[in-house]
């Protein structure tokens, strides 16, 4: 068998091996670089993934964009925000929105607070700041010393708080930032 070996080390005793590359033997191709004379590299920006949101309309869109920008998996985001992977999936697909208790961690992950625009009325500002801090109406009402029903009426714009409560609310929000 040793006598049958070709000078270049190919084993002609194998069935289908003629010793010439390309004629049926896989061993004949080992060690040969593909196109050794071609040293071209292509550079350019990769296109955005299909899943990349075109418009940021929901909190889920913001989460997906940030996750894709950071090249993270959903389970990694879930660990950061301390929820399940399925929850992050549902947020990104807009099947559900983050619960109030998760909003502060979502904002921390994003690095900013996604909003629908400028809050014009005091009620809209109360809802927004409460949302930012992940507070329920009951918790905020207790903090500023009013009944939760009264706070709900302020938020809906049905009633306006007295001047002393307005000052107290603005001071409270300034202390949170």
N, C-alpha and C. Protein backbone atom coordinates (compact mmCIF):
# COMPACT_ATOMS: atom_id res chain seq x y z
N UNK A 1 0.82 -1.18 0.00
CA UNK A 1 0.00 0.00 0.00
C UNK A 1 0.87 1.26 0.00
N UNK A 2 1.98 1.22 0.72
CA UNK A 2 2.85 2.39 0.76
C UNK A 2 3.45 2.68 -0.60
N UNK A 3 3.61 1.65 -1.37
CA UNK A 3 4.19 1.83 -2.69
C UNK A 3 3.23 2.53 -3.63
N UNK A 4 1.97 2.46 -3.35
CA UNK A 4 0.98 3.10 -4.22
C UNK A 4 0.83 4.60 -3.97
N UNK A 5 1.37 5.11 -2.91
CA UNK A 5 1.22 6.54 -2.60
C UNK A 5 1.91 7.39 -3.67
N UNK A 6 1.27 8.43 -4.05
CA UNK A 6 1.86 9.35 -5.01
C UNK A 6 2.90 10.20 -4.31
N UNK A 7 3.68 10.92 -5.07
CA UNK A 7 4.73 11.75 -4.51
C UNK A 7 4.18 12.86 -3.62
N UNK A 8 3.02 13.36 -3.91
CA UNK A 8 2.47 14.45 -3.13
C UNK A 8 1.69 13.98 -1.90
N UNK A 9 1.69 12.71 -1.58
CA UNK A 9 1.06 12.22 -0.37
C UNK A 9 -0.37 11.77 -0.54
N UNK A 10 -0.89 11.77 -1.75
CA UNK A 10 -2.26 11.32 -1.95
C UNK A 10 -2.29 9.80 -1.98
N UNK A 11 -3.31 9.23 -1.43
CA UNK A 11 -3.43 7.78 -1.33
C UNK A 11 -4.28 7.28 -2.49
N UNK A 12 -3.63 6.68 -3.50
CA UNK A 12 -4.34 6.21 -4.69
C UNK A 12 -5.04 4.89 -4.44
N UNK A 13 -4.86 4.31 -3.26
CA UNK A 13 -5.52 3.05 -2.98
C UNK A 13 -6.99 3.25 -2.64
N UNK A 14 -7.40 4.47 -2.36
CA UNK A 14 -8.80 4.74 -2.07
C UNK A 14 -9.61 4.62 -3.35
N UNK A 15 -10.82 4.08 -3.23
CA UNK A 15 -11.64 3.95 -4.43
C UNK A 15 -12.01 5.32 -4.98
N UNK A 16 -11.87 5.49 -6.27
CA UNK A 16 -12.22 6.73 -6.93
C UNK A 16 -11.13 7.78 -6.87
N UNK A 17 -9.94 7.49 -6.29
CA UNK A 17 -8.88 8.49 -6.19
C UNK A 17 -7.88 8.29 -7.31
N UNK A 18 -7.73 9.29 -8.13
CA UNK A 18 -6.75 9.22 -9.21
C UNK A 18 -5.51 10.02 -8.87
N UNK A 19 -5.57 10.72 -7.76
CA UNK A 19 -4.45 11.57 -7.38
C UNK A 19 -4.56 12.97 -7.93
N UNK A 20 -5.53 13.21 -8.75
CA UNK A 20 -5.75 14.53 -9.33
C UNK A 20 -6.91 15.20 -8.61
N UNK A 21 -6.70 16.42 -8.10
CA UNK A 21 -7.79 17.10 -7.41
C UNK A 21 -9.00 17.27 -8.33
N UNK A 22 -10.17 17.06 -7.76
CA UNK A 22 -11.40 17.26 -8.51
C UNK A 22 -11.91 16.01 -9.18
N UNK A 23 -11.29 14.90 -8.97
CA UNK A 23 -11.73 13.68 -9.62
C UNK A 23 -12.29 12.68 -8.63
N UNK A 24 -13.05 13.09 -7.65
CA UNK A 24 -13.78 12.17 -6.79
C UNK A 24 -13.24 11.96 -5.39
N UNK A 25 -12.07 12.40 -5.07
CA UNK A 25 -11.50 12.15 -3.74
C UNK A 25 -11.49 13.44 -2.94
N UNK A 26 -12.11 13.42 -1.79
CA UNK A 26 -12.16 14.61 -0.95
C UNK A 26 -10.82 14.90 -0.31
N UNK A 27 -10.03 13.90 -0.07
CA UNK A 27 -8.74 14.10 0.59
C UNK A 27 -7.83 14.94 -0.30
N UNK A 28 -7.98 14.85 -1.60
CA UNK A 28 -7.14 15.59 -2.53
C UNK A 28 -7.33 17.10 -2.41
N UNK A 29 -8.46 17.53 -1.82
CA UNK A 29 -8.71 18.96 -1.69
C UNK A 29 -8.21 19.54 -0.37
N UNK A 30 -7.79 18.72 0.56
CA UNK A 30 -7.39 19.24 1.87
C UNK A 30 -6.12 20.05 1.75
N UNK A 31 -6.10 21.15 2.41
CA UNK A 31 -4.92 21.99 2.45
C UNK A 31 -4.81 22.98 1.31
N UNK A 32 -5.73 22.98 0.40
CA UNK A 32 -5.67 23.91 -0.73
C UNK A 32 -6.57 25.09 -0.41
N UNK A 33 -6.01 26.29 -0.28
CA UNK A 33 -6.86 27.45 0.01
C UNK A 33 -7.70 27.81 -1.21
N UNK A 34 -8.89 28.28 -0.95
CA UNK A 34 -9.78 28.70 -2.04
C UNK A 34 -9.34 30.06 -2.54
N UNK A 35 -9.13 30.15 -3.79
CA UNK A 35 -8.74 31.39 -4.46
C UNK A 35 -7.63 32.13 -3.71
N UNK A 36 -6.43 31.58 -3.68
CA UNK A 36 -5.35 32.20 -2.92
C UNK A 36 -4.93 33.55 -3.47
N UNK A 37 -5.28 33.86 -4.70
CA UNK A 37 -4.89 35.11 -5.32
C UNK A 37 -5.90 36.23 -5.08
N UNK A 38 -7.04 35.89 -4.50
CA UNK A 38 -8.13 36.85 -4.31
C UNK A 38 -8.14 37.34 -2.87
N UNK A 39 -7.78 38.58 -2.65
CA UNK A 39 -7.76 39.16 -1.30
C UNK A 39 -8.68 40.38 -1.26
N UNK A 40 -9.96 40.15 -1.41
CA UNK A 40 -10.96 41.22 -1.45
C UNK A 40 -11.80 41.12 -0.18
N UNK A 41 -12.03 42.25 0.42
CA UNK A 41 -12.97 42.29 1.54
C UNK A 41 -14.03 43.34 1.23
N UNK A 42 -15.25 43.02 1.57
CA UNK A 42 -16.39 43.91 1.29
C UNK A 42 -16.78 44.59 2.58
N UNK A 43 -16.89 45.89 2.51
CA UNK A 43 -17.27 46.66 3.70
C UNK A 43 -18.50 47.48 3.38
N UNK A 44 -19.33 47.63 4.40
CA UNK A 44 -20.54 48.43 4.24
C UNK A 44 -21.44 48.23 5.44
N UNK A 45 -22.41 49.08 5.56
CA UNK A 45 -23.33 48.95 6.68
C UNK A 45 -24.33 47.85 6.40
N UNK A 46 -24.61 47.09 7.44
CA UNK A 46 -25.62 46.06 7.31
C UNK A 46 -27.00 46.71 7.29
N UNK A 47 -27.89 46.15 6.53
CA UNK A 47 -29.26 46.70 6.57
C UNK A 47 -29.91 46.41 7.92
N UNK A 48 -30.85 47.24 8.29
CA UNK A 48 -31.56 47.05 9.55
C UNK A 48 -32.38 45.76 9.48
N UNK A 49 -32.50 45.05 10.60
CA UNK A 49 -33.33 43.84 10.59
C UNK A 49 -34.79 44.17 10.28
N UNK A 50 -35.52 43.19 9.75
CA UNK A 50 -36.94 43.39 9.44
C UNK A 50 -37.72 43.79 10.69
N UNK A 51 -37.29 43.26 11.83
CA UNK A 51 -38.00 43.51 13.08
C UNK A 51 -37.76 44.92 13.61
N UNK A 52 -36.84 45.67 13.03
CA UNK A 52 -36.52 47.02 13.51
C UNK A 52 -37.72 47.92 13.26
N UNK A 53 -38.25 48.56 14.33
CA UNK A 53 -39.45 49.39 14.15
C UNK A 53 -39.16 50.64 13.31
N UNK A 54 -40.04 50.91 12.36
CA UNK A 54 -39.88 52.08 11.49
C UNK A 54 -40.31 53.35 12.22
N UNK A 55 -41.38 53.24 12.99
CA UNK A 55 -41.88 54.37 13.78
C UNK A 55 -42.00 53.91 15.23
N UNK A 56 -41.65 54.79 16.14
CA UNK A 56 -41.73 54.49 17.56
C UNK A 56 -43.06 55.02 18.10
N UNK A 57 -44.05 54.13 18.13
CA UNK A 57 -45.37 54.55 18.58
C UNK A 57 -45.70 54.05 19.97
N UNK A 58 -45.15 52.90 20.36
CA UNK A 58 -45.48 52.31 21.66
C UNK A 58 -44.20 52.09 22.46
N UNK A 59 -44.37 51.80 23.73
CA UNK A 59 -43.23 51.48 24.58
C UNK A 59 -42.55 50.22 24.05
N UNK A 60 -43.32 49.27 23.54
CA UNK A 60 -42.76 48.05 22.96
C UNK A 60 -41.85 48.34 21.78
N UNK A 61 -42.21 49.31 20.95
CA UNK A 61 -41.36 49.71 19.82
C UNK A 61 -40.04 50.28 20.33
N UNK A 62 -40.09 51.09 21.37
CA UNK A 62 -38.88 51.66 21.95
C UNK A 62 -37.98 50.56 22.50
N UNK A 63 -38.58 49.59 23.19
CA UNK A 63 -37.81 48.48 23.77
C UNK A 63 -37.14 47.67 22.67
N UNK A 64 -37.89 47.34 21.62
CA UNK A 64 -37.32 46.55 20.52
C UNK A 64 -36.17 47.29 19.85
N UNK A 65 -36.34 48.58 19.58
CA UNK A 65 -35.27 49.35 18.93
C UNK A 65 -34.01 49.35 19.78
N UNK A 66 -34.16 49.62 21.07
CA UNK A 66 -33.00 49.66 21.97
C UNK A 66 -32.32 48.29 22.03
N UNK A 67 -33.13 47.23 22.11
CA UNK A 67 -32.58 45.87 22.19
C UNK A 67 -31.79 45.54 20.93
N UNK A 68 -32.34 45.86 19.77
CA UNK A 68 -31.64 45.58 18.52
C UNK A 68 -30.40 46.45 18.36
N UNK A 69 -30.46 47.70 18.80
CA UNK A 69 -29.29 48.58 18.75
C UNK A 69 -28.14 48.03 19.61
N UNK A 70 -28.49 47.48 20.77
CA UNK A 70 -27.48 46.93 21.68
C UNK A 70 -27.12 45.48 21.35
N UNK A 71 -27.79 44.91 20.35
CA UNK A 71 -27.59 43.51 19.93
C UNK A 71 -27.80 42.55 21.10
N UNK A 72 -28.90 42.76 21.81
CA UNK A 72 -29.27 41.90 22.92
C UNK A 72 -30.39 40.96 22.52
N UNK A 73 -30.48 39.85 23.21
CA UNK A 73 -31.60 38.92 23.04
C UNK A 73 -32.72 39.32 23.99
N UNK A 74 -33.91 38.82 23.72
CA UNK A 74 -35.05 39.16 24.57
C UNK A 74 -34.84 38.69 26.00
N UNK A 75 -34.21 37.53 26.18
CA UNK A 75 -34.01 37.06 27.54
C UNK A 75 -33.03 37.93 28.31
N UNK A 76 -32.08 38.57 27.60
CA UNK A 76 -31.15 39.49 28.28
C UNK A 76 -31.88 40.75 28.74
N UNK A 77 -32.77 41.26 27.90
CA UNK A 77 -33.58 42.42 28.30
C UNK A 77 -34.49 42.03 29.47
N UNK A 78 -35.05 40.83 29.40
CA UNK A 78 -35.92 40.35 30.47
C UNK A 78 -35.16 40.31 31.80
N UNK A 79 -33.90 39.89 31.78
CA UNK A 79 -33.11 39.87 33.01
C UNK A 79 -32.84 41.28 33.53
N UNK A 80 -32.60 42.21 32.63
CA UNK A 80 -32.34 43.60 33.03
C UNK A 80 -33.58 44.22 33.67
N UNK A 81 -34.73 44.00 33.05
CA UNK A 81 -35.98 44.62 33.51
C UNK A 81 -36.65 43.77 34.60
N UNK A 82 -36.13 42.57 34.81
CA UNK A 82 -36.63 41.64 35.82
C UNK A 82 -38.06 41.19 35.54
N UNK A 83 -38.26 40.71 34.30
CA UNK A 83 -39.52 40.10 33.88
C UNK A 83 -39.17 38.84 33.10
N UNK A 84 -40.17 38.11 32.64
CA UNK A 84 -39.90 36.91 31.85
C UNK A 84 -39.64 37.28 30.39
N UNK A 85 -39.02 36.35 29.66
CA UNK A 85 -38.75 36.56 28.24
C UNK A 85 -40.05 36.72 27.47
N UNK A 86 -41.07 35.98 27.88
CA UNK A 86 -42.37 36.05 27.22
C UNK A 86 -42.97 37.45 27.38
N UNK A 87 -42.76 38.06 28.52
CA UNK A 87 -43.28 39.42 28.76
C UNK A 87 -42.63 40.40 27.79
N UNK A 88 -41.32 40.32 27.62
CA UNK A 88 -40.63 41.21 26.69
C UNK A 88 -41.14 40.96 25.27
N UNK A 89 -41.32 39.69 24.90
CA UNK A 89 -41.87 39.34 23.59
C UNK A 89 -43.23 40.00 23.39
N UNK A 90 -44.10 39.90 24.40
CA UNK A 90 -45.44 40.50 24.30
C UNK A 90 -45.38 42.02 24.20
N UNK A 91 -44.46 42.65 24.91
CA UNK A 91 -44.31 44.10 24.81
C UNK A 91 -43.87 44.50 23.41
N UNK A 92 -42.87 43.78 22.89
CA UNK A 92 -42.34 44.13 21.57
C UNK A 92 -43.35 43.90 20.45
N UNK A 93 -44.19 42.91 20.60
CA UNK A 93 -45.23 42.63 19.60
C UNK A 93 -46.49 43.45 19.84
N UNK A 94 -46.48 44.27 20.86
CA UNK A 94 -47.61 45.13 21.24
C UNK A 94 -48.86 44.31 21.59
N UNK A 95 -48.63 43.11 22.12
CA UNK A 95 -49.73 42.31 22.65
C UNK A 95 -50.13 42.82 24.03
N UNK A 96 -49.17 43.43 24.73
CA UNK A 96 -49.44 44.02 26.04
C UNK A 96 -48.47 45.17 26.26
N UNK A 97 -48.75 45.96 27.28
CA UNK A 97 -47.88 47.07 27.65
C UNK A 97 -47.27 46.79 29.01
N UNK A 98 -46.13 47.41 29.30
CA UNK A 98 -45.53 47.18 30.62
C UNK A 98 -46.46 47.65 31.73
N UNK A 99 -46.52 46.86 32.80
CA UNK A 99 -47.30 47.26 33.96
C UNK A 99 -46.61 48.45 34.62
N UNK A 100 -47.37 49.17 35.38
CA UNK A 100 -46.88 50.37 36.05
C UNK A 100 -45.64 50.09 36.88
N UNK A 101 -45.59 48.95 37.54
CA UNK A 101 -44.46 48.62 38.41
C UNK A 101 -43.16 48.39 37.63
N UNK A 102 -43.26 48.09 36.32
CA UNK A 102 -42.06 47.83 35.52
C UNK A 102 -41.55 49.07 34.78
N UNK A 103 -42.35 50.11 34.73
CA UNK A 103 -41.99 51.31 33.95
C UNK A 103 -40.65 51.92 34.38
N UNK A 104 -40.37 52.11 35.68
CA UNK A 104 -39.07 52.70 36.03
C UNK A 104 -37.88 51.89 35.51
N UNK A 105 -37.95 50.56 35.53
CA UNK A 105 -36.85 49.73 35.03
C UNK A 105 -36.78 49.79 33.51
N UNK A 106 -37.91 49.89 32.85
CA UNK A 106 -37.93 50.03 31.39
C UNK A 106 -37.28 51.36 31.01
N UNK A 107 -37.61 52.42 31.73
CA UNK A 107 -37.03 53.74 31.46
C UNK A 107 -35.53 53.71 31.70
N UNK A 108 -35.10 53.03 32.75
CA UNK A 108 -33.67 52.91 33.03
C UNK A 108 -32.96 52.16 31.90
N UNK A 109 -33.58 51.08 31.39
CA UNK A 109 -33.00 50.32 30.28
C UNK A 109 -32.91 51.18 29.03
N UNK A 110 -33.99 51.91 28.71
CA UNK A 110 -34.01 52.74 27.50
C UNK A 110 -33.06 53.93 27.62
N UNK A 111 -32.91 54.46 28.82
CA UNK A 111 -32.09 55.65 29.01
C UNK A 111 -32.87 56.94 28.81
N UNK A 112 -34.16 56.81 28.58
CA UNK A 112 -35.04 57.97 28.41
C UNK A 112 -36.46 57.51 28.68
N UNK A 113 -37.35 58.47 28.81
CA UNK A 113 -38.76 58.16 29.05
C UNK A 113 -39.54 58.37 27.76
N UNK A 114 -40.06 57.29 27.17
CA UNK A 114 -40.87 57.47 25.97
C UNK A 114 -42.18 58.15 26.34
N UNK A 115 -42.58 59.13 25.56
CA UNK A 115 -43.84 59.83 25.85
C UNK A 115 -44.61 60.06 24.57
N UNK A 116 -45.88 60.36 24.73
CA UNK A 116 -46.76 60.60 23.59
C UNK A 116 -46.69 62.05 23.13
N UNK A 117 -45.92 62.85 23.77
CA UNK A 117 -45.83 64.26 23.42
C UNK A 117 -45.85 65.11 24.68
N UNK A 118 -46.13 66.36 24.51
CA UNK A 118 -46.15 67.31 25.61
C UNK A 118 -47.44 67.17 26.41
N UNK A 119 -47.29 67.13 27.72
CA UNK A 119 -48.46 67.09 28.59
C UNK A 119 -48.88 68.54 28.85
N UNK A 120 -50.10 68.86 28.47
CA UNK A 120 -50.54 70.25 28.54
C UNK A 120 -51.27 70.57 29.84
N UNK A 121 -52.18 69.72 30.25
CA UNK A 121 -52.96 70.03 31.44
C UNK A 121 -52.27 69.48 32.69
N UNK A 122 -52.68 69.97 33.83
CA UNK A 122 -52.12 69.48 35.08
C UNK A 122 -52.45 68.00 35.27
N UNK A 123 -53.66 67.60 34.87
CA UNK A 123 -54.05 66.20 34.98
C UNK A 123 -53.14 65.29 34.15
N UNK A 124 -52.81 65.72 32.93
CA UNK A 124 -51.91 64.93 32.08
C UNK A 124 -50.51 64.85 32.68
N UNK A 125 -50.08 65.95 33.28
CA UNK A 125 -48.76 65.96 33.93
C UNK A 125 -48.73 65.04 35.14
N UNK A 126 -49.80 65.03 35.91
CA UNK A 126 -49.88 64.13 37.07
C UNK A 126 -49.80 62.68 36.62
N UNK A 127 -50.58 62.33 35.61
CA UNK A 127 -50.58 60.95 35.09
C UNK A 127 -49.19 60.59 34.59
N UNK A 128 -48.55 61.49 33.85
CA UNK A 128 -47.24 61.22 33.28
C UNK A 128 -46.18 61.01 34.36
N UNK A 129 -46.12 61.90 35.33
CA UNK A 129 -45.11 61.77 36.39
C UNK A 129 -45.38 60.54 37.25
N UNK A 130 -46.63 60.25 37.48
CA UNK A 130 -46.97 59.04 38.23
C UNK A 130 -46.53 57.80 37.46
N UNK A 131 -46.75 57.82 36.14
CA UNK A 131 -46.33 56.73 35.26
C UNK A 131 -44.81 56.56 35.28
N UNK A 132 -44.08 57.71 35.21
CA UNK A 132 -42.61 57.67 35.23
C UNK A 132 -42.07 56.98 36.48
N UNK A 133 -42.70 57.25 37.59
CA UNK A 133 -42.23 56.71 38.87
C UNK A 133 -42.85 55.36 39.21
N UNK A 134 -43.76 54.90 38.36
CA UNK A 134 -44.38 53.60 38.61
C UNK A 134 -45.29 53.61 39.83
N UNK A 135 -45.96 54.72 40.04
CA UNK A 135 -46.83 54.87 41.21
C UNK A 135 -48.29 54.71 40.83
N UNK A 136 -49.04 54.12 41.73
CA UNK A 136 -50.49 54.03 41.54
C UNK A 136 -51.12 55.33 42.01
N UNK A 137 -52.39 55.51 41.68
CA UNK A 137 -53.10 56.69 42.16
C UNK A 137 -53.15 56.70 43.67
N UNK A 138 -53.38 55.55 44.24
CA UNK A 138 -53.47 55.44 45.70
C UNK A 138 -52.16 55.87 46.37
N UNK A 139 -51.03 55.43 45.81
CA UNK A 139 -49.72 55.78 46.39
C UNK A 139 -49.46 57.28 46.29
N UNK A 140 -49.72 57.86 45.13
CA UNK A 140 -49.48 59.30 44.97
C UNK A 140 -50.44 60.10 45.84
N UNK A 141 -51.69 59.67 45.91
CA UNK A 141 -52.66 60.39 46.75
C UNK A 141 -52.19 60.41 48.21
N UNK A 142 -51.68 59.30 48.67
CA UNK A 142 -51.17 59.22 50.04
C UNK A 142 -49.97 60.16 50.23
N UNK A 143 -49.09 60.21 49.22
CA UNK A 143 -47.90 61.07 49.30
C UNK A 143 -48.26 62.55 49.39
N UNK A 144 -49.26 62.98 48.62
CA UNK A 144 -49.59 64.41 48.63
C UNK A 144 -50.73 64.74 49.58
N UNK A 145 -51.30 63.72 50.23
CA UNK A 145 -52.30 63.97 51.27
C UNK A 145 -53.70 64.24 50.78
N UNK A 146 -54.14 63.55 49.72
CA UNK A 146 -55.52 63.69 49.24
C UNK A 146 -56.14 62.30 49.07
N UNK A 147 -57.43 62.29 48.86
CA UNK A 147 -58.15 61.05 48.62
C UNK A 147 -57.85 60.57 47.18
N UNK A 148 -57.71 59.25 46.94
CA UNK A 148 -57.45 58.75 45.59
C UNK A 148 -58.53 59.13 44.57
N UNK A 149 -59.78 59.24 45.02
CA UNK A 149 -60.86 59.64 44.12
C UNK A 149 -60.66 61.08 43.66
N UNK A 150 -60.22 61.94 44.57
CA UNK A 150 -59.95 63.33 44.23
C UNK A 150 -58.83 63.41 43.21
N UNK A 151 -57.76 62.64 43.44
CA UNK A 151 -56.64 62.61 42.49
C UNK A 151 -57.11 62.13 41.11
N UNK A 152 -57.96 61.12 41.08
CA UNK A 152 -58.48 60.60 39.81
C UNK A 152 -59.27 61.68 39.07
N UNK A 153 -60.03 62.48 39.80
CA UNK A 153 -60.79 63.57 39.16
C UNK A 153 -59.85 64.63 38.60
N UNK A 154 -58.76 64.92 39.30
CA UNK A 154 -57.77 65.87 38.80
C UNK A 154 -57.15 65.35 37.51
N UNK A 155 -56.82 64.05 37.51
CA UNK A 155 -56.17 63.46 36.34
C UNK A 155 -57.10 63.47 35.11
N UNK A 156 -58.38 63.24 35.33
CA UNK A 156 -59.34 63.24 34.22
C UNK A 156 -59.73 64.65 33.79
N UNK A 157 -59.36 65.64 34.56
CA UNK A 157 -59.69 67.03 34.25
C UNK A 157 -61.08 67.43 34.69
N UNK A 158 -61.72 66.60 35.51
CA UNK A 158 -63.07 66.93 35.99
C UNK A 158 -63.03 68.02 37.04
N UNK A 159 -62.01 68.06 37.82
CA UNK A 159 -61.84 69.08 38.87
C UNK A 159 -60.42 69.61 38.79
N UNK A 160 -60.25 70.82 39.30
CA UNK A 160 -58.92 71.40 39.42
C UNK A 160 -58.55 71.44 40.88
N UNK A 161 -57.30 71.09 41.19
CA UNK A 161 -56.90 71.16 42.59
C UNK A 161 -56.82 72.61 43.07
N UNK A 162 -57.05 72.79 44.35
CA UNK A 162 -56.92 74.12 44.95
C UNK A 162 -55.47 74.58 44.78
N UNK A 163 -55.26 75.87 44.86
CA UNK A 163 -53.95 76.45 44.61
C UNK A 163 -52.87 75.86 45.52
N UNK A 164 -53.20 75.65 46.81
CA UNK A 164 -52.20 75.10 47.73
C UNK A 164 -51.82 73.66 47.34
N UNK A 165 -52.78 72.87 46.81
CA UNK A 165 -52.47 71.51 46.34
C UNK A 165 -51.65 71.54 45.05
N UNK A 166 -51.95 72.50 44.18
CA UNK A 166 -51.18 72.64 42.95
C UNK A 166 -49.70 72.89 43.27
N UNK A 167 -49.47 73.82 44.21
CA UNK A 167 -48.09 74.11 44.61
C UNK A 167 -47.44 72.87 45.21
N UNK A 168 -48.19 72.15 46.03
CA UNK A 168 -47.68 70.93 46.67
C UNK A 168 -47.33 69.86 45.63
N UNK A 169 -48.18 69.73 44.61
CA UNK A 169 -47.93 68.74 43.55
C UNK A 169 -46.67 69.11 42.77
N UNK A 170 -46.54 70.38 42.37
CA UNK A 170 -45.37 70.80 41.61
C UNK A 170 -44.09 70.63 42.42
N UNK A 171 -44.14 70.97 43.70
CA UNK A 171 -42.97 70.77 44.56
C UNK A 171 -42.62 69.30 44.69
N UNK A 172 -43.64 68.47 44.80
CA UNK A 172 -43.42 67.03 44.92
C UNK A 172 -42.75 66.49 43.65
N UNK A 173 -43.22 66.91 42.47
CA UNK A 173 -42.63 66.44 41.22
C UNK A 173 -41.20 66.96 41.04
N UNK A 174 -40.93 68.17 41.49
CA UNK A 174 -39.56 68.71 41.43
C UNK A 174 -38.63 67.90 42.31
N UNK A 175 -39.12 67.44 43.44
CA UNK A 175 -38.28 66.64 44.34
C UNK A 175 -37.98 65.26 43.76
N UNK A 176 -38.83 64.76 42.86
CA UNK A 176 -38.62 63.44 42.26
C UNK A 176 -37.56 63.47 41.17
N UNK A 177 -37.36 64.63 40.53
CA UNK A 177 -36.41 64.70 39.41
C UNK A 177 -35.01 65.01 39.86
